[in-house]
Amino acid sequence: MTKVIHLPRAHAGNRVQLSARTPKPTTPAADGIQRQQAIENALTMALYFMRQPGNAAANVWAATARTNRALTLLKQASEGMAPASPVNATGRA
């Protein structure tokens, strides 16, 4: 009989802490860089969805959502506002 060793892994609904490091304090320059990265990421994702073959309605909807996110971030940047919440890879807070 084989011995099974269970390794820890992320389960649905459980959050896994990847590091115990404390976050670095943000500076206005770092906030600007993070904002620019979020804007570029949203626009890149919009292009990704539009370049998918077939241009399914779901792809157009996703591209529109990412474009709207980029526009919101640009509006906040022009008004000098900080984002209300951190932005993740999907553009959702």
PDB file of N, CA and C in Angstrom:
ATOM      1  N   MET A   1       0.833  -1.166   0.000  1.00  0.00           N
ATOM      2  CA  MET A   1       0.000   0.000   0.000  1.00  0.00           C
ATOM      3  C   MET A   1       0.886   1.240   0.000  1.00  0.00           C
ATOM      4  N   THR A   2       0.455   2.258  -0.722  1.00  0.00           N
ATOM      5  CA  THR A   2       1.239   3.474  -0.858  1.00  0.00           C
ATOM      6  C   THR A   2       0.913   4.456   0.253  1.00  0.00           C
ATOM      7  N   LYS A   3       1.928   5.090   0.741  1.00  0.00           N
ATOM      8  CA  LYS A   3       1.740   6.104   1.773  1.00  0.00           C
ATOM      9  C   LYS A   3       1.486   7.439   1.079  1.00  0.00           C
ATOM     10  N   VAL A   4       0.422   8.131   1.452  1.00  0.00           N
ATOM     11  CA  VAL A   4       0.059   9.404   0.843  1.00  0.00           C
ATOM     12  C   VAL A   4       0.457  10.526   1.788  1.00  0.00           C
ATOM     13  N   ILE A   5       1.175  11.491   1.253  1.00  0.00           N
ATOM     14  CA  ILE A   5       1.565  12.662   2.025  1.00  0.00           C
ATOM     15  C   ILE A   5       0.758  13.842   1.500  1.00  0.00           C
ATOM     16  N   HIS A   6      -0.063  14.404   2.356  1.00  0.00           N
ATOM     17  CA  HIS A   6      -0.890  15.538   1.948  1.00  0.00           C
ATOM     18  C   HIS A   6      -0.100  16.835   2.137  1.00  0.00           C
ATOM     19  N   LEU A   7       0.016  17.592   1.072  1.00  0.00           N
ATOM     20  CA  LEU A   7       0.723  18.867   1.115  1.00  0.00           C
ATOM     21  C   LEU A   7      -0.286  19.994   1.301  1.00  0.00           C
ATOM     22  N   PRO A   8       0.088  21.048   2.026  1.00  0.00           N
ATOM     23  CA  PRO A   8      -0.846  22.170   2.186  1.00  0.00           C
ATOM     24  C   PRO A   8      -1.064  22.868   0.845  1.00  0.00           C
ATOM     25  N   ARG A   9      -2.300  23.204   0.561  1.00  0.00           N
ATOM     26  CA  ARG A   9      -2.620  23.930  -0.672  1.00  0.00           C
ATOM     27  C   ARG A   9      -3.823  24.813  -0.419  1.00  0.00           C
ATOM     28  N   ALA A  10      -4.015  25.746  -1.318  1.00  0.00           N
ATOM     29  CA  ALA A  10      -5.138  26.674  -1.188  1.00  0.00           C
ATOM     30  C   ALA A  10      -6.430  25.953  -1.558  1.00  0.00           C
ATOM     31  N   HIS A  11      -7.437  26.100  -0.737  1.00  0.00           N
ATOM     32  CA  HIS A  11      -8.754  25.556  -1.025  1.00  0.00           C
ATOM     33  C   HIS A  11      -9.674  26.705  -1.404  1.00  0.00           C
ATOM     34  N   ALA A  12     -10.729  26.394  -2.121  1.00  0.00           N
ATOM     35  CA  ALA A  12     -11.674  27.431  -2.521  1.00  0.00           C
ATOM     36  C   ALA A  12     -12.226  28.125  -1.287  1.00  0.00           C
ATOM     37  N   GLY A  13     -12.162  29.436  -1.297  1.00  0.00           N
ATOM     38  CA  GLY A  13     -12.692  30.216  -0.199  1.00  0.00           C
ATOM     39  C   GLY A  13     -11.691  30.513   0.901  1.00  0.00           C
ATOM     40  N   ASN A  14     -10.556  29.829   0.900  1.00  0.00           N
ATOM     41  CA  ASN A  14      -9.536  30.078   1.915  1.00  0.00           C
ATOM     42  C   ASN A  14      -8.461  30.978   1.336  1.00  0.00           C
ATOM     43  N   ARG A  15      -8.075  31.961   2.107  1.00  0.00           N
ATOM     44  CA  ARG A  15      -7.003  32.846   1.665  1.00  0.00           C
ATOM     45  C   ARG A  15      -5.686  32.350   2.237  1.00  0.00           C
ATOM     46  N   VAL A  16      -4.687  32.315   1.391  1.00  0.00           N
ATOM     47  CA  VAL A  16      -3.374  31.866   1.805  1.00  0.00           C
ATOM     48  C   VAL A  16      -2.459  33.075   1.887  1.00  0.00           C
ATOM     49  N   GLN A  17      -1.809  33.242   3.020  1.00  0.00           N
ATOM     50  CA  GLN A  17      -0.876  34.351   3.170  1.00  0.00           C
ATOM     51  C   GLN A  17       0.450  33.916   2.563  1.00  0.00           C
ATOM     52  N   LEU A  18       0.906  34.660   1.550  1.00  0.00           N
ATOM     53  CA  LEU A  18       2.104  34.277   0.834  1.00  0.00           C
ATOM     54  C   LEU A  18       3.379  34.715   1.534  1.00  0.00           C
ATOM     55  N   SER A  19       3.347  35.801   2.245  1.00  0.00           N
ATOM     56  CA  SER A  19       4.558  36.237   2.929  1.00  0.00           C
ATOM     57  C   SER A  19       4.183  36.949   4.216  1.00  0.00           C
ATOM     58  N   ALA A  20       5.139  36.969   5.124  1.00  0.00           N
ATOM     59  CA  ALA A  20       4.898  37.622   6.400  1.00  0.00           C
ATOM     60  C   ALA A  20       5.509  39.014   6.431  1.00  0.00           C
ATOM     61  N   ARG A  21       5.960  39.490   5.259  1.00  0.00           N
ATOM     62  CA  ARG A  21       6.582  40.816   5.210  1.00  0.00           C
ATOM     63  C   ARG A  21       5.547  41.894   5.456  1.00  0.00           C
ATOM     64  N   THR A  22       5.974  42.953   6.091  1.00  0.00           N
ATOM     65  CA  THR A  22       5.086  44.089   6.284  1.00  0.00           C
ATOM     66  C   THR A  22       5.112  44.939   5.017  1.00  0.00           C
ATOM     67  N   PRO A  23       3.975  45.505   4.634  1.00  0.00           N
ATOM     68  CA  PRO A  23       3.958  46.311   3.421  1.00  0.00           C
ATOM     69  C   PRO A  23       4.796  47.576   3.585  1.00  0.00           C
ATOM     70  N   LYS A  24       5.420  47.970   2.498  1.00  0.00           N
ATOM     71  CA  LYS A  24       6.229  49.187   2.513  1.00  0.00           C
ATOM     72  C   LYS A  24       5.309  50.405   2.529  1.00  0.00           C
ATOM     73  N   PRO A  25       5.702  51.452   3.232  1.00  0.00           N
ATOM     74  CA  PRO A  25       4.875  52.658   3.185  1.00  0.00           C
ATOM     75  C   PRO A  25       4.876  53.233   1.774  1.00  0.00           C
ATOM     76  N   THR A  26       3.729  53.666   1.325  1.00  0.00           N
ATOM     77  CA  THR A  26       3.635  54.192  -0.032  1.00  0.00           C
ATOM     78  C   THR A  26       3.960  55.676  -0.045  1.00  0.00           C
ATOM     79  N   THR A  27       4.592  56.083  -1.115  1.00  0.00           N
ATOM     80  CA  THR A  27       4.906  57.488  -1.329  1.00  0.00           C
ATOM     81  C   THR A  27       4.056  57.978  -2.480  1.00  0.00           C
ATOM     82  N   PRO A  28       3.921  59.275  -2.653  1.00  0.00           N
ATOM     83  CA  PRO A  28       3.146  59.772  -3.792  1.00  0.00           C
ATOM     84  C   PRO A  28       3.685  59.249  -5.126  1.00  0.00           C
ATOM     85  N   ALA A  29       5.012  59.116  -5.242  1.00  0.00           N
ATOM     86  CA  ALA A  29       5.590  58.596  -6.484  1.00  0.00           C
ATOM     87  C   ALA A  29       5.200  57.139  -6.695  1.00  0.00           C
ATOM     88  N   ALA A  30       5.223  56.344  -5.611  1.00  0.00           N
ATOM     89  CA  ALA A  30       4.838  54.941  -5.720  1.00  0.00           C
ATOM     90  C   ALA A  30       3.359  54.819  -6.066  1.00  0.00           C
ATOM     91  N   ASP A  31       2.527  55.692  -5.486  1.00  0.00           N
ATOM     92  CA  ASP A  31       1.103  55.666  -5.816  1.00  0.00           C
ATOM     93  C   ASP A  31       0.883  55.974  -7.294  1.00  0.00           C
ATOM     94  N   GLY A  32       1.641  56.932  -7.823  1.00  0.00           N
ATOM     95  CA  GLY A  32       1.526  57.275  -9.242  1.00  0.00           C
ATOM     96  C   GLY A  32       1.948  56.132 -10.142  1.00  0.00           C
ATOM     97  N   ILE A  33       2.999  55.436  -9.743  1.00  0.00           N
ATOM     98  CA  ILE A  33       3.461  54.293 -10.534  1.00  0.00           C
ATOM     99  C   ILE A  33       2.431  53.176 -10.485  1.00  0.00           C
ATOM    100  N   GLN A  34       1.877  52.907  -9.304  1.00  0.00           N
ATOM    101  CA  GLN A  34       0.863  51.867  -9.186  1.00  0.00           C
ATOM    102  C   GLN A  34      -0.379  52.215  -9.991  1.00  0.00           C
ATOM    103  N   ARG A  35      -0.753  53.493  -9.986  1.00  0.00           N
ATOM    104  CA  ARG A  35      -1.914  53.922 -10.766  1.00  0.00           C
ATOM    105  C   ARG A  35      -1.652  53.720 -12.253  1.00  0.00           C
ATOM    106  N   GLN A  36      -0.448  54.102 -12.709  1.00  0.00           N
ATOM    107  CA  GLN A  36      -0.112  53.927 -14.124  1.00  0.00           C
ATOM    108  C   GLN A  36      -0.110  52.449 -14.494  1.00  0.00           C
ATOM    109  N   GLN A  37       0.419  51.599 -13.629  1.00  0.00           N
ATOM    110  CA  GLN A  37       0.417  50.164 -13.895  1.00  0.00           C
ATOM    111  C   GLN A  37      -1.006  49.627 -13.988  1.00  0.00           C
ATOM    112  N   ALA A  38      -1.889  50.086 -13.115  1.00  0.00           N
ATOM    113  CA  ALA A  38      -3.281  49.631 -13.143  1.00  0.00           C
ATOM    114  C   ALA A  38      -3.975  50.081 -14.427  1.00  0.00           C
ATOM    115  N   ILE A  39      -3.699  51.309 -14.872  1.00  0.00           N
ATOM    116  CA  ILE A  39      -4.291  51.817 -16.116  1.00  0.00           C
ATOM    117  C   ILE A  39      -3.789  51.006 -17.303  1.00  0.00           C
ATOM    118  N   GLU A  40      -2.478  50.794 -17.373  1.00  0.00           N
ATOM    119  CA  GLU A  40      -1.907  50.032 -18.484  1.00  0.00           C
ATOM    120  C   GLU A  40      -2.402  48.595 -18.476  1.00  0.00           C
ATOM    121  N   ASN A  41      -2.545  48.011 -17.292  1.00  0.00           N
ATOM    122  CA  ASN A  41      -3.038  46.646 -17.201  1.00  0.00           C
ATOM    123  C   ASN A  41      -4.478  46.554 -17.700  1.00  0.00           C
ATOM    124  N   ALA A  42      -5.315  47.509 -17.318  1.00  0.00           N
ATOM    125  CA  ALA A  42      -6.715  47.496 -17.759  1.00  0.00           C
ATOM    126  C   ALA A  42      -6.811  47.628 -19.275  1.00  0.00           C
ATOM    127  N   LEU A  43      -6.002  48.518 -19.845  1.00  0.00           N
ATOM    128  CA  LEU A  43      -6.035  48.693 -21.300  1.00  0.00           C
ATOM    129  C   LEU A  43      -5.483  47.463 -22.024  1.00  0.00           C
ATOM    130  N   THR A  44      -4.443  46.863 -21.467  1.00  0.00           N
ATOM    131  CA  THR A  44      -3.882  45.655 -22.068  1.00  0.00           C
ATOM    132  C   THR A  44      -4.891  44.520 -22.044  1.00  0.00           C
ATOM    133  N   MET A  45      -5.607  44.393 -20.931  1.00  0.00           N
ATOM    134  CA  MET A  45      -6.631  43.344 -20.843  1.00  0.00           C
ATOM    135  C   MET A  45      -7.769  43.605 -21.821  1.00  0.00           C
ATOM    136  N   ALA A  46      -8.131  44.873 -22.017  1.00  0.00           N
ATOM    137  CA  ALA A  46      -9.172  45.199 -22.997  1.00  0.00           C
ATOM    138  C   ALA A  46      -8.729  44.771 -24.393  1.00  0.00           C
ATOM    139  N   LEU A  47      -7.483  45.061 -24.741  1.00  0.00           N
ATOM    140  CA  LEU A  47      -6.968  44.638 -26.044  1.00  0.00           C
ATOM    141  C   LEU A  47      -6.927  43.119 -26.157  1.00  0.00           C
ATOM    142  N   TYR A  48      -6.557  42.447 -25.088  1.00  0.00           N
ATOM    143  CA  TYR A  48      -6.506  40.985 -25.090  1.00  0.00           C
ATOM    144  C   TYR A  48      -7.877  40.413 -25.432  1.00  0.00           C
ATOM    145  N   PHE A  49      -8.921  40.922 -24.763  1.00  0.00           N
ATOM    146  CA  PHE A  49     -10.264  40.398 -25.016  1.00  0.00           C
ATOM    147  C   PHE A  49     -10.741  40.729 -26.433  1.00  0.00           C
ATOM    148  N   MET A  50     -10.388  41.885 -26.957  1.00  0.00           N
ATOM    149  CA  MET A  50     -10.825  42.235 -28.311  1.00  0.00           C
ATOM    150  C   MET A  50     -10.102  41.407 -29.373  1.00  0.00           C
ATOM    151  N   ARG A  51      -8.894  40.937 -29.074  1.00  0.00           N
ATOM    152  CA  ARG A  51      -8.121  40.163 -30.049  1.00  0.00           C
ATOM    153  C   ARG A  51      -8.471  38.685 -30.046  1.00  0.00           C
ATOM    154  N   GLN A  52      -9.359  38.262 -29.157  1.00  0.00           N
ATOM    155  CA  GLN A  52      -9.750  36.856 -29.123  1.00  0.00           C
ATOM    156  C   GLN A  52     -10.548  36.529 -30.378  1.00  0.00           C
ATOM    157  N   PRO A  53     -10.296  35.360 -30.950  1.00  0.00           N
ATOM    158  CA  PRO A  53     -11.017  35.009 -32.189  1.00  0.00           C
ATOM    159  C   PRO A  53     -12.513  34.873 -31.935  1.00  0.00           C
ATOM    160  N   GLY A  54     -13.279  35.307 -32.918  1.00  0.00           N
ATOM    161  CA  GLY A  54     -14.726  35.178 -32.849  1.00  0.00           C
ATOM    162  C   GLY A  54     -15.436  36.389 -32.304  1.00  0.00           C
ATOM    163  N   ASN A  55     -14.761  37.229 -31.545  1.00  0.00           N
ATOM    164  CA  ASN A  55     -15.375  38.417 -30.943  1.00  0.00           C
ATOM    165  C   ASN A  55     -16.738  38.102 -30.331  1.00  0.00           C
ATOM    166  N   ALA A  56     -16.756  37.121 -29.464  1.00  0.00           N
ATOM    167  CA  ALA A  56     -17.990  36.743 -28.780  1.00  0.00           C
ATOM    168  C   ALA A  56     -18.482  37.921 -27.935  1.00  0.00           C
ATOM    169  N   ALA A  57     -19.767  37.929 -27.665  1.00  0.00           N
ATOM    170  CA  ALA A  57     -20.357  39.018 -26.878  1.00  0.00           C
ATOM    171  C   ALA A  57     -19.703  39.125 -25.506  1.00  0.00           C
ATOM    172  N   ALA A  58     -19.311  37.993 -24.927  1.00  0.00           N
ATOM    173  CA  ALA A  58     -18.661  38.017 -23.614  1.00  0.00           C
ATOM    174  C   ALA A  58     -17.314  38.729 -23.689  1.00  0.00           C
ATOM    175  N   ASN A  59     -16.582  38.542 -24.787  1.00  0.00           N
ATOM    176  CA  ASN A  59     -15.288  39.209 -24.945  1.00  0.00           C
ATOM    177  C   ASN A  59     -15.465  40.717 -25.098  1.00  0.00           C
ATOM    178  N   VAL A  60     -16.475  41.123 -25.839  1.00  0.00           N
ATOM    179  CA  VAL A  60     -16.740  42.548 -26.016  1.00  0.00           C
ATOM    180  C   VAL A  60     -17.156  43.169 -24.680  1.00  0.00           C
ATOM    181  N   TRP A  61     -17.985  42.443 -23.922  1.00  0.00           N
ATOM    182  CA  TRP A  61     -18.407  42.934 -22.617  1.00  0.00           C
ATOM    183  C   TRP A  61     -17.200  43.079 -21.694  1.00  0.00           C
ATOM    184  N   ALA A  62     -16.318  42.078 -21.666  1.00  0.00           N
ATOM    185  CA  ALA A  62     -15.140  42.129 -20.797  1.00  0.00           C
ATOM    186  C   ALA A  62     -14.210  43.268 -21.209  1.00  0.00           C
ATOM    187  N   ALA A  63     -14.024  43.462 -22.525  1.00  0.00           N
ATOM    188  CA  ALA A  63     -13.171  44.548 -23.010  1.00  0.00           C
ATOM    189  C   ALA A  63     -13.755  45.900 -22.618  1.00  0.00           C
ATOM    190  N   THR A  64     -15.072  46.029 -22.709  1.00  0.00           N
ATOM    191  CA  THR A  64     -15.724  47.277 -22.326  1.00  0.00           C
ATOM    192  C   THR A  64     -15.553  47.547 -20.837  1.00  0.00           C
ATOM    193  N   ALA A  65     -15.683  46.509 -20.022  1.00  0.00           N
ATOM    194  CA  ALA A  65     -15.513  46.672 -18.576  1.00  0.00           C
ATOM    195  C   ALA A  65     -14.093  47.117 -18.238  1.00  0.00           C
ATOM    196  N   ARG A  66     -13.089  46.520 -18.891  1.00  0.00           N
ATOM    197  CA  ARG A  66     -11.696  46.901 -18.616  1.00  0.00           C
ATOM    198  C   ARG A  66     -11.411  48.322 -19.101  1.00  0.00           C
ATOM    199  N   THR A  67     -11.999  48.698 -20.231  1.00  0.00           N
ATOM    200  CA  THR A  67     -11.820  50.057 -20.733  1.00  0.00           C
ATOM    201  C   THR A  67     -12.446  51.069 -19.787  1.00  0.00           C
ATOM    202  N   ASN A  68     -13.632  50.755 -19.279  1.00  0.00           N
ATOM    203  CA  ASN A  68     -14.283  51.643 -18.317  1.00  0.00           C
ATOM    204  C   ASN A  68     -13.447  51.780 -17.051  1.00  0.00           C
ATOM    205  N   ARG A  69     -12.823  50.693 -16.622  1.00  0.00           N
ATOM    206  CA  ARG A  69     -11.956  50.751 -15.441  1.00  0.00           C
ATOM    207  C   ARG A  69     -10.773  51.683 -15.707  1.00  0.00           C
ATOM    208  N   ALA A  70     -10.170  51.562 -16.890  1.00  0.00           N
ATOM    209  CA  ALA A  70      -9.043  52.430 -17.240  1.00  0.00           C
ATOM    210  C   ALA A  70      -9.484  53.890 -17.281  1.00  0.00           C
ATOM    211  N   LEU A  71     -10.667  54.142 -17.824  1.00  0.00           N
ATOM    212  CA  LEU A  71     -11.169  55.516 -17.882  1.00  0.00           C
ATOM    213  C   LEU A  71     -11.413  56.078 -16.481  1.00  0.00           C
ATOM    214  N   THR A  72     -11.931  55.249 -15.583  1.00  0.00           N
ATOM    215  CA  THR A  72     -12.146  55.690 -14.214  1.00  0.00           C
ATOM    216  C   THR A  72     -10.824  56.041 -13.540  1.00  0.00           C
ATOM    217  N   LEU A  73      -9.819  55.189 -13.739  1.00  0.00           N
ATOM    218  CA  LEU A  73      -8.504  55.456 -13.156  1.00  0.00           C
ATOM    219  C   LEU A  73      -7.886  56.721 -13.742  1.00  0.00           C
ATOM    220  N   LEU A  74      -8.059  56.936 -15.043  1.00  0.00           N
ATOM    221  CA  LEU A  74      -7.542  58.157 -15.664  1.00  0.00           C
ATOM    222  C   LEU A  74      -8.249  59.393 -15.118  1.00  0.00           C
ATOM    223  N   LYS A  75      -9.555  59.280 -14.903  1.00  0.00           N
ATOM    224  CA  LYS A  75     -10.311  60.400 -14.345  1.00  0.00           C
ATOM    225  C   LYS A  75      -9.825  60.716 -12.932  1.00  0.00           C
ATOM    226  N   GLN A  76      -9.608  59.672 -12.128  1.00  0.00           N
ATOM    227  CA  GLN A  76      -9.102  59.874 -10.775  1.00  0.00           C
ATOM    228  C   GLN A  76      -7.721  60.514 -10.801  1.00  0.00           C
ATOM    229  N   ALA A  77      -6.880  60.095 -11.738  1.00  0.00           N
ATOM    230  CA  ALA A  77      -5.526  60.651 -11.838  1.00  0.00           C
ATOM    231  C   ALA A  77      -5.583  62.119 -12.226  1.00  0.00           C
ATOM    232  N   SER A  78      -6.494  62.468 -13.131  1.00  0.00           N
ATOM    233  CA  SER A  78      -6.575  63.866 -13.561  1.00  0.00           C
ATOM    234  C   SER A  78      -7.144  64.764 -12.471  1.00  0.00           C
ATOM    235  N   GLU A  79      -7.952  64.191 -11.588  1.00  0.00           N
ATOM    236  CA  GLU A  79      -8.525  64.963 -10.493  1.00  0.00           C
ATOM    237  C   GLU A  79      -7.635  64.929  -9.265  1.00  0.00           C
ATOM    238  N   GLY A  80      -6.554  64.159  -9.316  1.00  0.00           N
ATOM    239  CA  GLY A  80      -5.640  64.063  -8.184  1.00  0.00           C
ATOM    240  C   GLY A  80      -6.177  63.220  -7.059  1.00  0.00           C
ATOM    241  N   MET A  81      -7.129  62.358  -7.357  1.00  0.00           N
ATOM    242  CA  MET A  81      -7.733  61.506  -6.340  1.00  0.00           C
ATOM    243  C   MET A  81      -6.970  60.192  -6.256  1.00  0.00           C
ATOM    244  N   ALA A  82      -6.896  59.645  -5.067  1.00  0.00           N
ATOM    245  CA  ALA A  82      -6.336  58.310  -4.897  1.00  0.00           C
ATOM    246  C   ALA A  82      -7.455  57.297  -5.107  1.00  0.00           C
ATOM    247  N   PRO A  83      -7.139  56.118  -5.585  1.00  0.00           N
ATOM    248  CA  PRO A  83      -8.188  55.106  -5.721  1.00  0.00           C
ATOM    249  C   PRO A  83      -8.820  54.796  -4.376  1.00  0.00           C
ATOM    250  N   ALA A  84     -10.108  54.515  -4.386  1.00  0.00           N
ATOM    251  CA  ALA A  84     -10.816  54.249  -3.138  1.00  0.00           C
ATOM    252  C   ALA A  84     -10.373  52.940  -2.508  1.00  0.00           C
ATOM    253  N   SER A  85      -9.924  51.999  -3.327  1.00  0.00           N
ATOM    254  CA  SER A  85      -9.476  50.713  -2.809  1.00  0.00           C
ATOM    255  C   SER A  85      -8.375  50.184  -3.715  1.00  0.00           C
ATOM    256  N   PRO A  86      -7.572  49.245  -3.211  1.00  0.00           N
ATOM    257  CA  PRO A  86      -6.504  48.704  -4.051  1.00  0.00           C
ATOM    258  C   PRO A  86      -7.067  47.966  -5.251  1.00  0.00           C
ATOM    259  N   VAL A  87      -6.325  47.943  -6.320  1.00  0.00           N
ATOM    260  CA  VAL A  87      -6.756  47.327  -7.558  1.00  0.00           C
ATOM    261  C   VAL A  87      -6.029  46.006  -7.728  1.00  0.00           C
ATOM    262  N   ASN A  88      -6.759  44.971  -8.083  1.00  0.00           N
ATOM    263  CA  ASN A  88      -6.100  43.712  -8.338  1.00  0.00           C
ATOM    264  C   ASN A  88      -5.978  43.460  -9.831  1.00  0.00           C
ATOM    265  N   ALA A  89      -5.547  42.287 -10.205  1.00  0.00           N
ATOM    266  CA  ALA A  89      -5.250  42.000 -11.595  1.00  0.00           C
ATOM    267  C   ALA A  89      -6.462  42.074 -12.503  1.00  0.00           C
ATOM    268  N   THR A  90      -7.633  41.804 -11.949  1.00  0.00           N
ATOM    269  CA  THR A  90      -8.820  41.839 -12.778  1.00  0.00           C
ATOM    270  C   THR A  90      -9.408  43.214 -12.910  1.00  0.00           C
ATOM    271  N   GLY A  91      -8.848  44.165 -12.210  1.00  0.00           N
ATOM    272  CA  GLY A  91      -9.374  45.520 -12.259  1.00  0.00           C
ATOM    273  C   GLY A  91     -10.474  45.752 -11.251  1.00  0.00           C
ATOM    274  N   ARG A  92     -10.741  44.735 -10.454  1.00  0.00           N
ATOM    275  CA  ARG A  92     -11.772  44.877  -9.440  1.00  0.00           C
ATOM    276  C   ARG A  92     -11.127  45.170  -8.105  1.00  0.00           C
ATOM    277  N   ALA A  93     -11.831  45.893  -7.300  1.00  0.00           N
ATOM    278  CA  ALA A  93     -11.289  46.239  -5.972  1.00  0.00           C
ATOM    279  C   ALA A  93     -11.644  45.186  -4.967  1.00  0.00           C
TER     280      ALA A  93
END
